[in-house]
C-alpha cells in the first residue's frame, strides 16, 4: 500500500478558495482520500480535472460542494463539442475539446471548478 494514501492533509488560510478553483489542489496533493479544511466556507471541486467521451456517448461528472446544499450550475464552453445537463451528465457532440465548469454562488461570490474535456469520434 502506498504510504501517501492514508495521509491527512490540513489546508487553511485565505488562499484555499483560489487553490480549489484552479485545480491546484490535485496538482499539489495528488490523489488524496482525506482532506481536512479549516476556515473554508465555500468551495466546488469536480471529481476529475480531465475527462474524455466519445461523440454521441455520455460521461457523468460529480462536484463536491460546500455548503453541501449549494445548487451547482454546470456549463460547457463549446456546446458544438459537448453539452452538460443540470446533473453533470456530459454528452459528446463532435470531436474536439472544451471546458466543462461547475459553479456555485455563496454570499454573492461565485466559486467555480473546471474539467478539460476531450470528445473523440
Protein backbone atom coordinates (compact mmCIF):
# COMPACT_ATOMS: atom_id res chain seq x y z
CA UNK A 1 0.00 0.00 0.00
CA UNK A 2 1.23 3.47 -0.88
CA UNK A 3 2.25 5.25 2.38
CA UNK A 4 0.92 8.52 0.94
CA UNK A 5 -2.60 7.07 0.58
CA UNK A 6 -3.50 7.39 4.25
CA UNK A 7 -2.05 10.83 4.96
CA UNK A 8 -4.34 13.54 6.25
CA UNK A 9 -3.68 16.99 4.86
CA UNK A 10 -4.73 20.13 6.70
CA UNK A 11 -5.30 23.15 4.49
CA UNK A 12 -6.08 26.55 5.87
CA UNK A 13 -5.83 30.20 5.00
CA UNK A 14 -7.37 32.70 2.64
CA UNK A 15 -5.88 31.10 -0.47
CA UNK A 16 -7.99 27.92 -0.16
CA UNK A 17 -10.74 29.13 -2.47
CA UNK A 18 -8.30 30.08 -5.21
CA UNK A 19 -6.40 26.83 -4.75
CA UNK A 20 -9.58 24.81 -5.25
CA UNK A 21 -10.94 26.94 -8.08
CA UNK A 22 -7.83 26.46 -10.18
CA UNK A 23 -7.45 22.70 -9.68
CA UNK A 24 -4.10 23.27 -7.97
CA UNK A 25 -5.13 21.06 -5.07
CA UNK A 26 -4.93 18.00 -7.31
CA UNK A 27 -1.51 19.03 -8.62
CA UNK A 28 -0.22 19.92 -5.16
CA UNK A 29 -1.53 16.90 -3.26
CA UNK A 30 -2.19 14.28 -5.90
CA UNK A 31 -4.91 11.72 -5.33
CA UNK A 32 -5.79 12.14 -1.66
CA UNK A 33 -8.66 10.49 0.09
CA UNK A 34 -8.93 12.73 3.15
CA UNK A 35 -8.55 16.48 3.26
CA UNK A 36 -9.29 18.49 6.36
CA UNK A 37 -10.13 22.10 5.56
CA UNK A 38 -10.10 24.81 8.18
CA UNK A 39 -11.69 28.17 7.59
CA UNK A 40 -13.25 27.21 4.26
CA UNK A 41 -16.86 28.34 3.99
CA UNK A 42 -17.50 27.68 0.28
CA UNK A 43 -15.97 25.59 -2.49
CA UNK A 44 -16.74 23.46 -5.51
CA UNK A 45 -14.46 20.69 -6.80
CA UNK A 46 -15.19 18.49 -9.83
CA UNK A 47 -14.14 14.88 -9.29
CA UNK A 48 -11.70 14.88 -12.22
CA UNK A 49 -9.66 17.66 -13.86
CA UNK A 50 -9.68 15.92 -17.26
CA UNK A 51 -12.14 13.57 -18.96
CA UNK A 52 -12.94 12.17 -22.37
CA UNK A 53 -16.12 10.99 -24.03
CA UNK A 54 -16.97 9.65 -27.47
CA UNK A 55 -19.30 11.64 -29.69
CA UNK A 56 -22.92 10.55 -29.05
CA UNK A 57 -21.94 8.99 -25.69
CA UNK A 58 -22.11 10.36 -22.13
CA UNK A 59 -19.95 10.63 -19.06
CA UNK A 60 -21.11 11.84 -15.65
CA UNK A 61 -19.06 14.35 -13.67
CA UNK A 62 -19.62 14.91 -9.97
CA UNK A 63 -18.99 18.04 -7.97
CA UNK A 64 -18.29 18.20 -4.25
CA UNK A 65 -19.62 21.45 -2.82
CA UNK A 66 -19.57 23.39 0.40
CA UNK A 67 -22.07 24.34 1.72
CA UNK A 68 -23.47 20.91 0.91
CA UNK A 69 -26.90 22.27 -0.07
CA UNK A 70 -25.45 24.59 -2.76
CA UNK A 71 -27.04 24.45 -6.21
CA UNK A 72 -24.46 23.53 -8.84
CA UNK A 73 -24.69 25.22 -12.24
CA UNK A 74 -23.00 23.22 -15.00
CA UNK A 75 -21.83 24.75 -18.29
CA UNK A 76 -19.91 23.85 -21.45
CA UNK A 77 -17.53 26.32 -23.06
CA UNK A 78 -18.46 24.95 -26.50
CA UNK A 79 -21.83 23.24 -26.98
CA UNK A 80 -20.85 22.25 -30.53
CA UNK A 81 -18.36 19.85 -28.87
CA UNK A 82 -20.24 18.78 -25.72
CA UNK A 83 -23.30 19.66 -23.68
CA UNK A 84 -23.83 19.15 -19.96
CA UNK A 85 -27.06 18.64 -18.04
CA UNK A 86 -28.00 20.16 -14.70
CA UNK A 87 -26.95 16.83 -13.13
CA UNK A 88 -23.41 16.86 -14.61
CA UNK A 89 -24.12 14.39 -17.42
CA UNK A 90 -21.84 15.36 -20.30
CA UNK A 91 -22.89 14.38 -23.83
CA UNK A 92 -20.28 14.29 -26.57
CA UNK A 93 -21.47 16.11 -29.71
CA UNK A 94 -18.47 16.31 -32.06
CA UNK A 95 -14.73 15.61 -31.90
CA UNK A 96 -12.69 18.34 -30.25
CA UNK A 97 -12.22 19.81 -26.82
CA UNK A 98 -13.99 22.15 -24.45
CA UNK A 99 -14.14 23.04 -20.79
CA UNK A 100 -16.94 21.84 -18.54
CA UNK A 101 -17.46 24.01 -15.48
CA UNK A 102 -19.36 23.63 -12.24
CA UNK A 103 -20.13 26.74 -10.24
CA UNK A 104 -21.96 27.78 -7.09
CA UNK A 105 -22.75 31.19 -5.68
CA UNK A 106 -22.47 31.77 -1.94
CA UNK A 107 -22.91 35.17 -0.36
CA UNK A 108 -22.75 36.88 -3.75
CA UNK A 109 -19.42 35.25 -4.62
CA UNK A 110 -19.20 32.67 -7.41
CA UNK A 111 -16.91 29.67 -6.96
CA UNK A 112 -16.00 27.57 -9.99
CA UNK A 113 -14.03 24.47 -10.91
CA UNK A 114 -13.36 23.10 -14.38
CA UNK A 115 -12.78 19.84 -16.21
CA UNK A 116 -10.95 19.81 -19.53
CA UNK A 117 -12.97 17.55 -21.81
CA UNK A 118 -11.87 15.79 -24.99
CA UNK A 119 -14.52 14.45 -27.36
CA UNK A 120 -13.41 11.66 -29.70
CA UNK A 121 -15.12 10.03 -32.68
